[in-house]
Amino acid sequence: MDLTDGHLLRDLPAPGPDEVLDTLLARGGIRVERIVSFGQSSPDGFWYDQNEDEFVVLLAGSAVLRFEDGDRTVDLIPGAWIDIPAHCRHRVEATAADQATVWLTVFWLAAVKAT
């Protein structure tokens, strides 16, 4: 049996111009990623519109997500989580500039709804 382990808050990348995304696991239609941000946000006018459902937990730092529907914002601090359905248009408004913001995200294909 091959075991893989790690620590989500160790070996963080150095601050840079881009977020750093590491896929920790991809199996059976599920993908788990660690994202590290250092003040990054979505470009003006950009919205994520994904085919996958996404569960997000903020582990360190802080972030603000904006959702197009209702122009709603959600402030995330360590321990906060949010479940984002597929095609729920959203963007990253801000992440902490003075420290690493560490996200744990889990993606899976959205269930097809019967019509």
PDB file of N, CA and C in Angstrom:
ATOM      1  N   MET A   1       0.852  -1.173   0.000  1.00  0.00           N
ATOM      2  CA  MET A   1       0.000   0.000   0.000  1.00  0.00           C
ATOM      3  C   MET A   1       0.895   1.232   0.000  1.00  0.00           C
ATOM      4  N   ASP A   2       0.652   2.159  -0.944  1.00  0.00           N
ATOM      5  CA  ASP A   2       1.388   3.416  -1.004  1.00  0.00           C
ATOM      6  C   ASP A   2       0.621   4.476  -0.238  1.00  0.00           C
ATOM      7  N   LEU A   3       1.274   5.056   0.759  1.00  0.00           N
ATOM      8  CA  LEU A   3       0.670   6.123   1.547  1.00  0.00           C
ATOM      9  C   LEU A   3       1.327   7.441   1.180  1.00  0.00           C
ATOM     10  N   THR A   4       0.544   8.482   1.148  1.00  0.00           N
ATOM     11  CA  THR A   4       1.044   9.821   0.905  1.00  0.00           C
ATOM     12  C   THR A   4       0.570  10.696   2.053  1.00  0.00           C
ATOM     13  N   ASP A   5       1.473  11.529   2.561  1.00  0.00           N
ATOM     14  CA  ASP A   5       1.061  12.431   3.626  1.00  0.00           C
ATOM     15  C   ASP A   5       1.775  13.768   3.472  1.00  0.00           C
ATOM     16  N   GLY A   6       1.356  14.714   4.246  1.00  0.00           N
ATOM     17  CA  GLY A   6       1.958  16.037   4.193  1.00  0.00           C
ATOM     18  C   GLY A   6       1.355  16.912   5.269  1.00  0.00           C
ATOM     19  N   HIS A   7       1.668  18.184   5.218  1.00  0.00           N
ATOM     20  CA  HIS A   7       1.128  19.156   6.160  1.00  0.00           C
ATOM     21  C   HIS A   7       0.721  20.381   5.357  1.00  0.00           C
ATOM     22  N   LEU A   8      -0.515  20.799   5.493  1.00  0.00           N
ATOM     23  CA  LEU A   8      -1.064  21.863   4.657  1.00  0.00           C
ATOM     24  C   LEU A   8      -0.453  23.232   4.924  1.00  0.00           C
ATOM     25  N   LEU A   9       0.126  23.432   6.111  1.00  0.00           N
ATOM     26  CA  LEU A   9       0.663  24.742   6.451  1.00  0.00           C
ATOM     27  C   LEU A   9       2.191  24.782   6.488  1.00  0.00           C
ATOM     28  N   ARG A  10       2.817  23.706   6.055  1.00  0.00           N
ATOM     29  CA  ARG A  10       4.293  23.676   5.985  1.00  0.00           C
ATOM     30  C   ARG A  10       4.732  23.775   4.534  1.00  0.00           C
ATOM     31  N   ASP A  11       5.993  24.113   4.368  1.00  0.00           N
ATOM     32  CA  ASP A  11       6.590  24.201   3.028  1.00  0.00           C
ATOM     33  C   ASP A  11       5.768  25.091   2.110  1.00  0.00           C
ATOM     34  N   LEU A  12       5.339  26.245   2.628  1.00  0.00           N
ATOM     35  CA  LEU A  12       4.586  27.185   1.813  1.00  0.00           C
ATOM     36  C   LEU A  12       5.529  27.867   0.822  1.00  0.00           C
ATOM     37  N   PRO A  13       5.041  28.183  -0.363  1.00  0.00           N
ATOM     38  CA  PRO A  13       5.884  28.868  -1.346  1.00  0.00           C
ATOM     39  C   PRO A  13       6.195  30.290  -0.899  1.00  0.00           C
ATOM     40  N   ALA A  14       7.230  30.853  -1.467  1.00  0.00           N
ATOM     41  CA  ALA A  14       7.566  32.253  -1.207  1.00  0.00           C
ATOM     42  C   ALA A  14       6.539  33.146  -1.898  1.00  0.00           C
ATOM     43  N   PRO A  15       6.284  34.334  -1.347  1.00  0.00           N
ATOM     44  CA  PRO A  15       5.373  35.263  -2.023  1.00  0.00           C
ATOM     45  C   PRO A  15       5.850  35.561  -3.435  1.00  0.00           C
ATOM     46  N   GLY A  16       4.904  35.675  -4.342  1.00  0.00           N
ATOM     47  CA  GLY A  16       5.215  35.974  -5.731  1.00  0.00           C
ATOM     48  C   GLY A  16       4.025  36.620  -6.395  1.00  0.00           C
ATOM     49  N   PRO A  17       4.109  36.848  -7.688  1.00  0.00           N
ATOM     50  CA  PRO A  17       3.023  37.542  -8.386  1.00  0.00           C
ATOM     51  C   PRO A  17       1.771  36.687  -8.593  1.00  0.00           C
ATOM     52  N   ASP A  18       1.910  35.369  -8.510  1.00  0.00           N
ATOM     53  CA  ASP A  18       0.787  34.476  -8.778  1.00  0.00           C
ATOM     54  C   ASP A  18       0.481  33.583  -7.586  1.00  0.00           C
ATOM     55  N   GLU A  19      -0.784  33.156  -7.484  1.00  0.00           N
ATOM     56  CA  GLU A  19      -1.144  32.136  -6.510  1.00  0.00           C
ATOM     57  C   GLU A  19      -0.418  30.847  -6.877  1.00  0.00           C
ATOM     58  N   VAL A  20      -0.221  29.988  -5.878  1.00  0.00           N
ATOM     59  CA  VAL A  20       0.407  28.692  -6.126  1.00  0.00           C
ATOM     60  C   VAL A  20      -0.606  27.606  -5.799  1.00  0.00           C
ATOM     61  N   LEU A  21      -0.862  26.756  -6.781  1.00  0.00           N
ATOM     62  CA  LEU A  21      -1.848  25.691  -6.655  1.00  0.00           C
ATOM     63  C   LEU A  21      -1.128  24.348  -6.687  1.00  0.00           C
ATOM     64  N   ASP A  22      -1.398  23.514  -5.686  1.00  0.00           N
ATOM     65  CA  ASP A  22      -0.861  22.153  -5.630  1.00  0.00           C
ATOM     66  C   ASP A  22      -2.023  21.175  -5.569  1.00  0.00           C
ATOM     67  N   THR A  23      -2.089  20.255  -6.524  1.00  0.00           N
ATOM     68  CA  THR A  23      -3.085  19.195  -6.465  1.00  0.00           C
ATOM     69  C   THR A  23      -2.565  18.130  -5.512  1.00  0.00           C
ATOM     70  N   LEU A  24      -3.286  17.917  -4.425  1.00  0.00           N
ATOM     71  CA  LEU A  24      -2.868  16.955  -3.402  1.00  0.00           C
ATOM     72  C   LEU A  24      -3.398  15.558  -3.697  1.00  0.00           C
ATOM     73  N   LEU A  25      -4.560  15.494  -4.351  1.00  0.00           N
ATOM     74  CA  LEU A  25      -5.205  14.216  -4.627  1.00  0.00           C
ATOM     75  C   LEU A  25      -6.163  14.399  -5.801  1.00  0.00           C
ATOM     76  N   ALA A  26      -6.133  13.466  -6.710  1.00  0.00           N
ATOM     77  CA  ALA A  26      -7.103  13.435  -7.810  1.00  0.00           C
ATOM     78  C   ALA A  26      -7.459  11.969  -8.021  1.00  0.00           C
ATOM     79  N   ARG A  27      -8.695  11.634  -7.650  1.00  0.00           N
ATOM     80  CA  ARG A  27      -9.087  10.227  -7.701  1.00  0.00           C
ATOM     81  C   ARG A  27     -10.609  10.120  -7.728  1.00  0.00           C
ATOM     82  N   GLY A  28     -11.119   9.238  -8.573  1.00  0.00           N
ATOM     83  CA  GLY A  28     -12.549   8.933  -8.582  1.00  0.00           C
ATOM     84  C   GLY A  28     -13.436  10.151  -8.813  1.00  0.00           C
ATOM     85  N   GLY A  29     -13.002  11.086  -9.632  1.00  0.00           N
ATOM     86  CA  GLY A  29     -13.808  12.266  -9.915  1.00  0.00           C
ATOM     87  C   GLY A  29     -13.714  13.360  -8.874  1.00  0.00           C
ATOM     88  N   ILE A  30     -12.837  13.188  -7.889  1.00  0.00           N
ATOM     89  CA  ILE A  30     -12.637  14.193  -6.846  1.00  0.00           C
ATOM     90  C   ILE A  30     -11.208  14.726  -6.958  1.00  0.00           C
ATOM     91  N   ARG A  31     -11.078  16.037  -6.789  1.00  0.00           N
ATOM     92  CA  ARG A  31      -9.761  16.671  -6.806  1.00  0.00           C
ATOM     93  C   ARG A  31      -9.632  17.543  -5.570  1.00  0.00           C
ATOM     94  N   VAL A  32      -8.514  17.381  -4.846  1.00  0.00           N
ATOM     95  CA  VAL A  32      -8.242  18.173  -3.648  1.00  0.00           C
ATOM     96  C   VAL A  32      -7.014  19.028  -3.937  1.00  0.00           C
ATOM     97  N   GLU A  33      -7.146  20.333  -3.698  1.00  0.00           N
ATOM     98  CA  GLU A  33      -6.051  21.249  -3.988  1.00  0.00           C
ATOM     99  C   GLU A  33      -5.744  22.124  -2.779  1.00  0.00           C
ATOM    100  N   ARG A  34      -4.468  22.477  -2.663  1.00  0.00           N
ATOM    101  CA  ARG A  34      -4.056  23.533  -1.729  1.00  0.00           C
ATOM    102  C   ARG A  34      -3.687  24.726  -2.590  1.00  0.00           C
ATOM    103  N   ILE A  35      -4.274  25.874  -2.277  1.00  0.00           N
ATOM    104  CA  ILE A  35      -3.974  27.114  -2.982  1.00  0.00           C
ATOM    105  C   ILE A  35      -3.375  28.073  -1.962  1.00  0.00           C
ATOM    106  N   VAL A  36      -2.267  28.707  -2.341  1.00  0.00           N
ATOM    107  CA  VAL A  36      -1.625  29.691  -1.469  1.00  0.00           C
ATOM    108  C   VAL A  36      -1.623  31.029  -2.197  1.00  0.00           C
ATOM    109  N   SER A  37      -2.200  32.038  -1.541  1.00  0.00           N
ATOM    110  CA  SER A  37      -2.304  33.388  -2.105  1.00  0.00           C
ATOM    111  C   SER A  37      -1.524  34.357  -1.227  1.00  0.00           C
ATOM    112  N   PHE A  38      -0.996  35.381  -1.854  1.00  0.00           N
ATOM    113  CA  PHE A  38      -0.292  36.456  -1.144  1.00  0.00           C
ATOM    114  C   PHE A  38      -0.802  37.796  -1.676  1.00  0.00           C
ATOM    115  N   GLY A  39      -2.048  38.121  -1.386  1.00  0.00           N
ATOM    116  CA  GLY A  39      -2.617  39.385  -1.828  1.00  0.00           C
ATOM    117  C   GLY A  39      -3.244  39.343  -3.209  1.00  0.00           C
ATOM    118  N   GLN A  40      -3.287  38.183  -3.855  1.00  0.00           N
ATOM    119  CA  GLN A  40      -3.876  38.100  -5.187  1.00  0.00           C
ATOM    120  C   GLN A  40      -5.401  38.220  -5.117  1.00  0.00           C
ATOM    121  N   SER A  41      -5.972  38.653  -6.231  1.00  0.00           N
ATOM    122  CA  SER A  41      -7.419  38.699  -6.398  1.00  0.00           C
ATOM    123  C   SER A  41      -7.725  38.417  -7.867  1.00  0.00           C
ATOM    124  N   SER A  42      -8.992  38.198  -8.158  1.00  0.00           N
ATOM    125  CA  SER A  42      -9.396  37.955  -9.546  1.00  0.00           C
ATOM    126  C   SER A  42      -9.238  39.245 -10.348  1.00  0.00           C
ATOM    127  N   PRO A  43      -8.871  39.121 -11.623  1.00  0.00           N
ATOM    128  CA  PRO A  43      -8.775  40.320 -12.472  1.00  0.00           C
ATOM    129  C   PRO A  43     -10.139  41.009 -12.595  1.00  0.00           C
ATOM    130  N   ASP A  44     -10.129  42.304 -12.822  1.00  0.00           N
ATOM    131  CA  ASP A  44     -11.367  43.058 -13.016  1.00  0.00           C
ATOM    132  C   ASP A  44     -12.219  42.399 -14.093  1.00  0.00           C
ATOM    133  N   GLY A  45     -13.501  42.224 -13.789  1.00  0.00           N
ATOM    134  CA  GLY A  45     -14.431  41.669 -14.763  1.00  0.00           C
ATOM    135  C   GLY A  45     -14.407  40.156 -14.899  1.00  0.00           C
ATOM    136  N   PHE A  46     -13.478  39.476 -14.204  1.00  0.00           N
ATOM    137  CA  PHE A  46     -13.365  38.014 -14.318  1.00  0.00           C
ATOM    138  C   PHE A  46     -14.269  37.343 -13.292  1.00  0.00           C
ATOM    139  N   TRP A  47     -14.971  36.292 -13.725  1.00  0.00           N
ATOM    140  CA  TRP A  47     -15.803  35.468 -12.840  1.00  0.00           C
ATOM    141  C   TRP A  47     -15.478  34.005 -13.083  1.00  0.00           C
ATOM    142  N   TYR A  48     -15.274  33.240 -12.003  1.00  0.00           N
ATOM    143  CA  TYR A  48     -15.188  31.785 -12.130  1.00  0.00           C
ATOM    144  C   TYR A  48     -16.586  31.279 -12.451  1.00  0.00           C
ATOM    145  N   ASP A  49     -16.692  30.371 -13.417  1.00  0.00           N
ATOM    146  CA  ASP A  49     -17.954  29.731 -13.780  1.00  0.00           C
ATOM    147  C   ASP A  49     -17.595  28.279 -14.100  1.00  0.00           C
ATOM    148  N   GLN A  50     -17.528  27.472 -13.074  1.00  0.00           N
ATOM    149  CA  GLN A  50     -16.956  26.126 -13.157  1.00  0.00           C
ATOM    150  C   GLN A  50     -18.022  25.065 -13.376  1.00  0.00           C
ATOM    151  N   ASN A  51     -17.617  23.977 -14.031  1.00  0.00           N
ATOM    152  CA  ASN A  51     -18.497  22.823 -14.234  1.00  0.00           C
ATOM    153  C   ASN A  51     -18.527  21.917 -13.015  1.00  0.00           C
ATOM    154  N   GLU A  52     -17.726  22.218 -12.025  1.00  0.00           N
ATOM    155  CA  GLU A  52     -17.609  21.378 -10.828  1.00  0.00           C
ATOM    156  C   GLU A  52     -18.183  22.102  -9.615  1.00  0.00           C
ATOM    157  N   ASP A  53     -18.695  21.310  -8.664  1.00  0.00           N
ATOM    158  CA  ASP A  53     -19.002  21.832  -7.342  1.00  0.00           C
ATOM    159  C   ASP A  53     -17.662  22.025  -6.629  1.00  0.00           C
ATOM    160  N   GLU A  54     -17.638  22.972  -5.685  1.00  0.00           N
ATOM    161  CA  GLU A  54     -16.384  23.283  -4.986  1.00  0.00           C
ATOM    162  C   GLU A  54     -16.666  23.531  -3.512  1.00  0.00           C
ATOM    163  N   PHE A  55     -15.948  22.823  -2.665  1.00  0.00           N
ATOM    164  CA  PHE A  55     -16.007  23.032  -1.222  1.00  0.00           C
ATOM    165  C   PHE A  55     -14.687  23.673  -0.816  1.00  0.00           C
ATOM    166  N   VAL A  56     -14.748  24.816  -0.132  1.00  0.00           N
ATOM    167  CA  VAL A  56     -13.556  25.583   0.215  1.00  0.00           C
ATOM    168  C   VAL A  56     -13.469  25.745   1.728  1.00  0.00           C
ATOM    169  N   VAL A  57     -12.278  25.495   2.290  1.00  0.00           N
ATOM    170  CA  VAL A  57     -11.995  25.787   3.694  1.00  0.00           C
ATOM    171  C   VAL A  57     -10.789  26.713   3.715  1.00  0.00           C
ATOM    172  N   LEU A  58     -10.887  27.818   4.444  1.00  0.00           N
ATOM    173  CA  LEU A  58      -9.743  28.695   4.589  1.00  0.00           C
ATOM    174  C   LEU A  58      -8.952  28.257   5.821  1.00  0.00           C
ATOM    175  N   LEU A  59      -7.678  27.968   5.630  1.00  0.00           N
ATOM    176  CA  LEU A  59      -6.839  27.448   6.708  1.00  0.00           C
ATOM    177  C   LEU A  59      -5.999  28.521   7.387  1.00  0.00           C
ATOM    178  N   ALA A  60      -5.605  29.554   6.629  1.00  0.00           N
ATOM    179  CA  ALA A  60      -4.763  30.630   7.170  1.00  0.00           C
ATOM    180  C   ALA A  60      -5.000  31.885   6.350  1.00  0.00           C
ATOM    181  N   GLY A  61      -4.730  33.038   6.946  1.00  0.00           N
ATOM    182  CA  GLY A  61      -4.895  34.302   6.247  1.00  0.00           C
ATOM    183  C   GLY A  61      -6.342  34.749   6.251  1.00  0.00           C
ATOM    184  N   SER A  62      -6.723  35.474   5.201  1.00  0.00           N
ATOM    185  CA  SER A  62      -8.102  35.933   5.064  1.00  0.00           C
ATOM    186  C   SER A  62      -8.398  36.152   3.591  1.00  0.00           C
ATOM    187  N   ALA A  63      -9.695  36.131   3.260  1.00  0.00           N
ATOM    188  CA  ALA A  63     -10.107  36.313   1.871  1.00  0.00           C
ATOM    189  C   ALA A  63     -11.534  36.836   1.838  1.00  0.00           C
ATOM    190  N   VAL A  64     -11.853  37.473   0.725  1.00  0.00           N
ATOM    191  CA  VAL A  64     -13.217  37.916   0.459  1.00  0.00           C
ATOM    192  C   VAL A  64     -13.617  37.362  -0.901  1.00  0.00           C
ATOM    193  N   LEU A  65     -14.725  36.625  -0.927  1.00  0.00           N
ATOM    194  CA  LEU A  65     -15.293  36.130  -2.176  1.00  0.00           C
ATOM    195  C   LEU A  65     -16.509  36.973  -2.525  1.00  0.00           C
ATOM    196  N   ARG A  66     -16.701  37.232  -3.807  1.00  0.00           N
ATOM    197  CA  ARG A  66     -17.890  37.940  -4.281  1.00  0.00           C
ATOM    198  C   ARG A  66     -18.654  37.004  -5.207  1.00  0.00           C
ATOM    199  N   PHE A  67     -19.976  36.978  -5.044  1.00  0.00           N
ATOM    200  CA  PHE A  67     -20.850  36.159  -5.865  1.00  0.00           C
ATOM    201  C   PHE A  67     -21.710  37.071  -6.722  1.00  0.00           C
ATOM    202  N   GLU A  68     -21.782  36.754  -8.017  1.00  0.00           N
ATOM    203  CA  GLU A  68     -22.505  37.601  -8.959  1.00  0.00           C
ATOM    204  C   GLU A  68     -23.985  37.688  -8.604  1.00  0.00           C
ATOM    205  N   ASP A  69     -24.603  36.554  -8.260  1.00  0.00           N
ATOM    206  CA  ASP A  69     -26.022  36.523  -7.924  1.00  0.00           C
ATOM    207  C   ASP A  69     -26.250  37.303  -6.628  1.00  0.00           C
ATOM    208  N   GLY A  70     -26.931  38.419  -6.716  1.00  0.00           N
ATOM    209  CA  GLY A  70     -27.201  39.223  -5.537  1.00  0.00           C
ATOM    210  C   GLY A  70     -26.041  40.090  -5.110  1.00  0.00           C
ATOM    211  N   ASP A  71     -24.957  40.079  -5.870  1.00  0.00           N
ATOM    212  CA  ASP A  71     -23.759  40.853  -5.528  1.00  0.00           C
ATOM    213  C   ASP A  71     -23.404  40.668  -4.050  1.00  0.00           C
ATOM    214  N   ARG A  72     -23.354  39.422  -3.630  1.00  0.00           N
ATOM    215  CA  ARG A  72     -23.096  39.038  -2.234  1.00  0.00           C
ATOM    216  C   ARG A  72     -21.612  38.835  -2.014  1.00  0.00           C
ATOM    217  N   THR A  73     -21.094  39.247  -0.858  1.00  0.00           N
ATOM    218  CA  THR A  73     -19.710  38.955  -0.493  1.00  0.00           C
ATOM    219  C   THR A  73     -19.692  38.068   0.741  1.00  0.00           C
ATOM    220  N   VAL A  74     -18.641  37.252   0.829  1.00  0.00           N
ATOM    221  CA  VAL A  74     -18.431  36.382   1.978  1.00  0.00           C
ATOM    222  C   VAL A  74     -16.998  36.591   2.443  1.00  0.00           C
ATOM    223  N   ASP A  75     -16.833  36.974   3.711  1.00  0.00           N
ATOM    224  CA  ASP A  75     -15.518  37.121   4.317  1.00  0.00           C
ATOM    225  C   ASP A  75     -15.103  35.783   4.907  1.00  0.00           C
ATOM    226  N   LEU A  76     -13.899  35.338   4.566  1.00  0.00           N
ATOM    227  CA  LEU A  76     -13.388  34.066   5.076  1.00  0.00           C
ATOM    228  C   LEU A  76     -12.207  34.328   5.999  1.00  0.00           C
ATOM    229  N   ILE A  77     -12.226  33.668   7.144  1.00  0.00           N
ATOM    230  CA  ILE A  77     -11.122  33.673   8.095  1.00  0.00           C
ATOM    231  C   ILE A  77     -10.775  32.211   8.379  1.00  0.00           C
ATOM    232  N   PRO A  78      -9.644  31.943   9.027  1.00  0.00           N
ATOM    233  CA  PRO A  78      -9.284  30.542   9.275  1.00  0.00           C
ATOM    234  C   PRO A  78     -10.408  29.758   9.950  1.00  0.00           C
ATOM    235  N   GLY A  79     -10.697  28.616   9.352  1.00  0.00           N
ATOM    236  CA  GLY A  79     -11.760  27.744   9.841  1.00  0.00           C
ATOM    237  C   GLY A  79     -13.070  27.917   9.100  1.00  0.00           C
ATOM    238  N   ALA A  80     -13.239  29.028   8.389  1.00  0.00           N
ATOM    239  CA  ALA A  80     -14.481  29.261   7.654  1.00  0.00           C
ATOM    240  C   ALA A  80     -14.499  28.410   6.388  1.00  0.00           C
ATOM    241  N   TRP A  81     -15.687  27.976   6.003  1.00  0.00           N
ATOM    242  CA  TRP A  81     -15.836  27.176   4.797  1.00  0.00           C
ATOM    243  C   TRP A  81     -17.074  27.625   4.036  1.00  0.00           C
ATOM    244  N   ILE A  82     -17.095  27.256   2.758  1.00  0.00           N
ATOM    245  CA  ILE A  82     -18.243  27.552   1.907  1.00  0.00           C
ATOM    246  C   ILE A  82     -18.353  26.472   0.841  1.00  0.00           C
ATOM    247  N   ASP A  83     -19.580  26.114   0.505  1.00  0.00           N
ATOM    248  CA  ASP A  83     -19.869  25.131  -0.536  1.00  0.00           C
ATOM    249  C   ASP A  83     -20.409  25.905  -1.734  1.00  0.00           C
ATOM    250  N   ILE A  84     -19.699  25.866  -2.855  1.00  0.00           N
ATOM    251  CA  ILE A  84     -20.050  26.646  -4.044  1.00  0.00           C
ATOM    252  C   ILE A  84     -20.541  25.689  -5.136  1.00  0.00           C
ATOM    253  N   PRO A  85     -21.817  25.774  -5.506  1.00  0.00           N
ATOM    254  CA  PRO A  85     -22.329  24.886  -6.551  1.00  0.00           C
ATOM    255  C   PRO A  85     -21.719  25.219  -7.915  1.00  0.00           C
ATOM    256  N   ALA A  86     -21.709  24.245  -8.787  1.00  0.00           N
ATOM    257  CA  ALA A  86     -21.247  24.461 -10.158  1.00  0.00           C
ATOM    258  C   ALA A  86     -22.024  25.623 -10.782  1.00  0.00           C
ATOM    259  N   HIS A  87     -21.334  26.399 -11.594  1.00  0.00           N
ATOM    260  CA  HIS A  87     -21.897  27.532 -12.342  1.00  0.00           C
ATOM    261  C   HIS A  87     -22.410  28.658 -11.459  1.00  0.00           C
ATOM    262  N   CYS A  88     -22.020  28.675 -10.198  1.00  0.00           N
ATOM    263  CA  CYS A  88     -22.298  29.815  -9.321  1.00  0.00           C
ATOM    264  C   CYS A  88     -21.134  30.791  -9.541  1.00  0.00           C
ATOM    265  N   ARG A  89     -21.396  31.823 -10.325  1.00  0.00           N
ATOM    266  CA  ARG A  89     -20.318  32.736 -10.716  1.00  0.00           C
ATOM    267  C   ARG A  89     -19.801  33.503  -9.500  1.00  0.00           C
ATOM    268  N   HIS A  90     -18.477  33.401  -9.311  1.00  0.00           N
ATOM    269  CA  HIS A  90     -17.849  34.029  -8.158  1.00  0.00           C
ATOM    270  C   HIS A  90     -16.444  34.498  -8.521  1.00  0.00           C
ATOM    271  N   ARG A  91     -15.889  35.327  -7.670  1.00  0.00           N
ATOM    272  CA  ARG A  91     -14.542  35.842  -7.874  1.00  0.00           C
ATOM    273  C   ARG A  91     -13.880  36.066  -6.520  1.00  0.00           C
ATOM    274  N   VAL A  92     -12.566  36.133  -6.527  1.00  0.00           N
ATOM    275  CA  VAL A  92     -11.812  36.460  -5.315  1.00  0.00           C
ATOM    276  C   VAL A  92     -11.614  37.965  -5.318  1.00  0.00           C
ATOM    277  N   GLU A  93     -12.252  38.640  -4.377  1.00  0.00           N
ATOM    278  CA  GLU A  93     -12.126  40.096  -4.272  1.00  0.00           C
ATOM    279  C   GLU A  93     -10.797  40.487  -3.636  1.00  0.00           C
ATOM    280  N   ALA A  94     -10.367  39.731  -2.635  1.00  0.00           N
ATOM    281  CA  ALA A  94      -9.131  40.086  -1.935  1.00  0.00           C
ATOM    282  C   ALA A  94      -8.627  38.911  -1.133  1.00  0.00           C
ATOM    283  N   THR A  95      -7.310  38.871  -0.958  1.00  0.00           N
ATOM    284  CA  THR A  95      -6.674  37.967  -0.002  1.00  0.00           C
ATOM    285  C   THR A  95      -5.677  38.787   0.806  1.00  0.00           C
ATOM    286  N   ALA A  96      -5.316  38.288   1.978  1.00  0.00           N
ATOM    287  CA  ALA A  96      -4.384  39.017   2.853  1.00  0.00           C
ATOM    288  C   ALA A  96      -3.071  39.280   2.119  1.00  0.00           C
ATOM    289  N   ALA A  97      -2.616  40.510   2.183  1.00  0.00           N
ATOM    290  CA  ALA A  97      -1.367  40.882   1.513  1.00  0.00           C
ATOM    291  C   ALA A  97      -0.162  40.713   2.427  1.00  0.00           C
ATOM    292  N   ASP A  98      -0.397  40.668   3.741  1.00  0.00           N
ATOM    293  CA  ASP A  98       0.705  40.646   4.708  1.00  0.00           C
ATOM    294  C   ASP A  98       1.041  39.251   5.224  1.00  0.00           C
ATOM    295  N   GLN A  99       0.357  38.236   4.708  1.00  0.00           N
ATOM    296  CA  GLN A  99       0.613  36.860   5.136  1.00  0.00           C
ATOM    297  C   GLN A  99       0.060  35.906   4.086  1.00  0.00           C
ATOM    298  N   ALA A 100       0.435  34.657   4.196  1.00  0.00           N
ATOM    299  CA  ALA A 100      -0.082  33.647   3.271  1.00  0.00           C
ATOM    300  C   ALA A 100      -1.550  33.373   3.582  1.00  0.00           C
ATOM    301  N   THR A 101      -2.359  33.326   2.535  1.00  0.00           N
ATOM    302  CA  THR A 101      -3.725  32.842   2.647  1.00  0.00           C
ATOM    303  C   THR A 101      -3.717  31.436   2.066  1.00  0.00           C
ATOM    304  N   VAL A 102      -4.093  30.463   2.881  1.00  0.00           N
ATOM    305  CA  VAL A 102      -4.030  29.061   2.472  1.00  0.00           C
ATOM    306  C   VAL A 102      -5.448  28.515   2.404  1.00  0.00           C
ATOM    307  N   TRP A 103      -5.792  28.023   1.217  1.00  0.00           N
ATOM    308  CA  TRP A 103      -7.109  27.459   0.937  1.00  0.00           C
ATOM    309  C   TRP A 103      -6.973  25.943   0.754  1.00  0.00           C
ATOM    310  N   LEU A 104      -7.942  25.199   1.226  1.00  0.00           N
ATOM    311  CA  LEU A 104      -8.083  23.789   0.872  1.00  0.00           C
ATOM    312  C   LEU A 104      -9.375  23.690   0.081  1.00  0.00           C
ATOM    313  N   THR A 105      -9.287  23.214  -1.156  1.00  0.00           N
ATOM    314  CA  THR A 105     -10.465  23.126  -2.016  1.00  0.00           C
ATOM    315  C   THR A 105     -10.678  21.686  -2.457  1.00  0.00           C
ATOM    316  N   VAL A 106     -11.934  21.296  -2.493  1.00  0.00           N
ATOM    317  CA  VAL A 106     -12.316  19.973  -2.965  1.00  0.00           C
ATOM    318  C   VAL A 106     -13.303  20.180  -4.107  1.00  0.00           C
ATOM    319  N   PHE A 107     -12.991  19.605  -5.277  1.00  0.00           N
ATOM    320  CA  PHE A 107     -13.829  19.725  -6.465  1.00  0.00           C
ATOM    321  C   PHE A 107     -14.390  18.356  -6.825  1.00  0.00           C
ATOM    322  N   TRP A 108     -15.628  18.323  -7.313  1.00  0.00           N
ATOM    323  CA  TRP A 108     -16.209  17.116  -7.870  1.00  0.00           C
ATOM    324  C   TRP A 108     -17.224  17.528  -8.924  1.00  0.00           C
ATOM    325  N   LEU A 109     -17.466  16.630  -9.873  1.00  0.00           N
ATOM    326  CA  LEU A 109     -18.404  16.924 -10.940  1.00  0.00           C
ATOM    327  C   LEU A 109     -19.809  17.082 -10.384  1.00  0.00           C
ATOM    328  N   ALA A 110     -20.466  18.115 -10.833  1.00  0.00           N
ATOM    329  CA  ALA A 110     -21.824  18.386 -10.387  1.00  0.00           C
ATOM    330  C   ALA A 110     -22.761  17.301 -10.887  1.00  0.00           C
ATOM    331  N   ALA A 111     -23.746  16.951 -10.092  1.00  0.00           N
ATOM    332  CA  ALA A 111     -24.753  15.979 -10.496  1.00  0.00           C
ATOM    333  C   ALA A 111     -25.588  16.584 -11.615  1.00  0.00           C
ATOM    334  N   VAL A 112     -25.919  15.775 -12.588  1.00  0.00           N
ATOM    335  CA  VAL A 112     -26.761  16.228 -13.683  1.00  0.00           C
ATOM    336  C   VAL A 112     -28.208  16.182 -13.209  1.00  0.00           C
ATOM    337  N   LYS A 113     -28.888  17.311 -13.324  1.00  0.00           N
ATOM    338  CA  LYS A 113     -30.279  17.392 -12.872  1.00  0.00           C
ATOM    339  C   LYS A 113     -31.208  16.908 -13.978  1.00  0.00           C
ATOM    340  N   ALA A 114     -32.187  16.101 -13.599  1.00  0.00           N
ATOM    341  CA  ALA A 114     -33.193  15.611 -14.559  1.00  0.00           C
ATOM    342  C   ALA A 114     -34.109  16.753 -14.961  1.00  0.00           C
ATOM    343  N   THR A 115     -34.465  16.777 -16.212  1.00  0.00           N
ATOM    344  CA  THR A 115     -35.375  17.850 -16.674  1.00  0.00           C
ATOM    345  C   THR A 115     -36.704  17.271 -17.096  1.00  0.00           C
TER     346      THR A 115
END
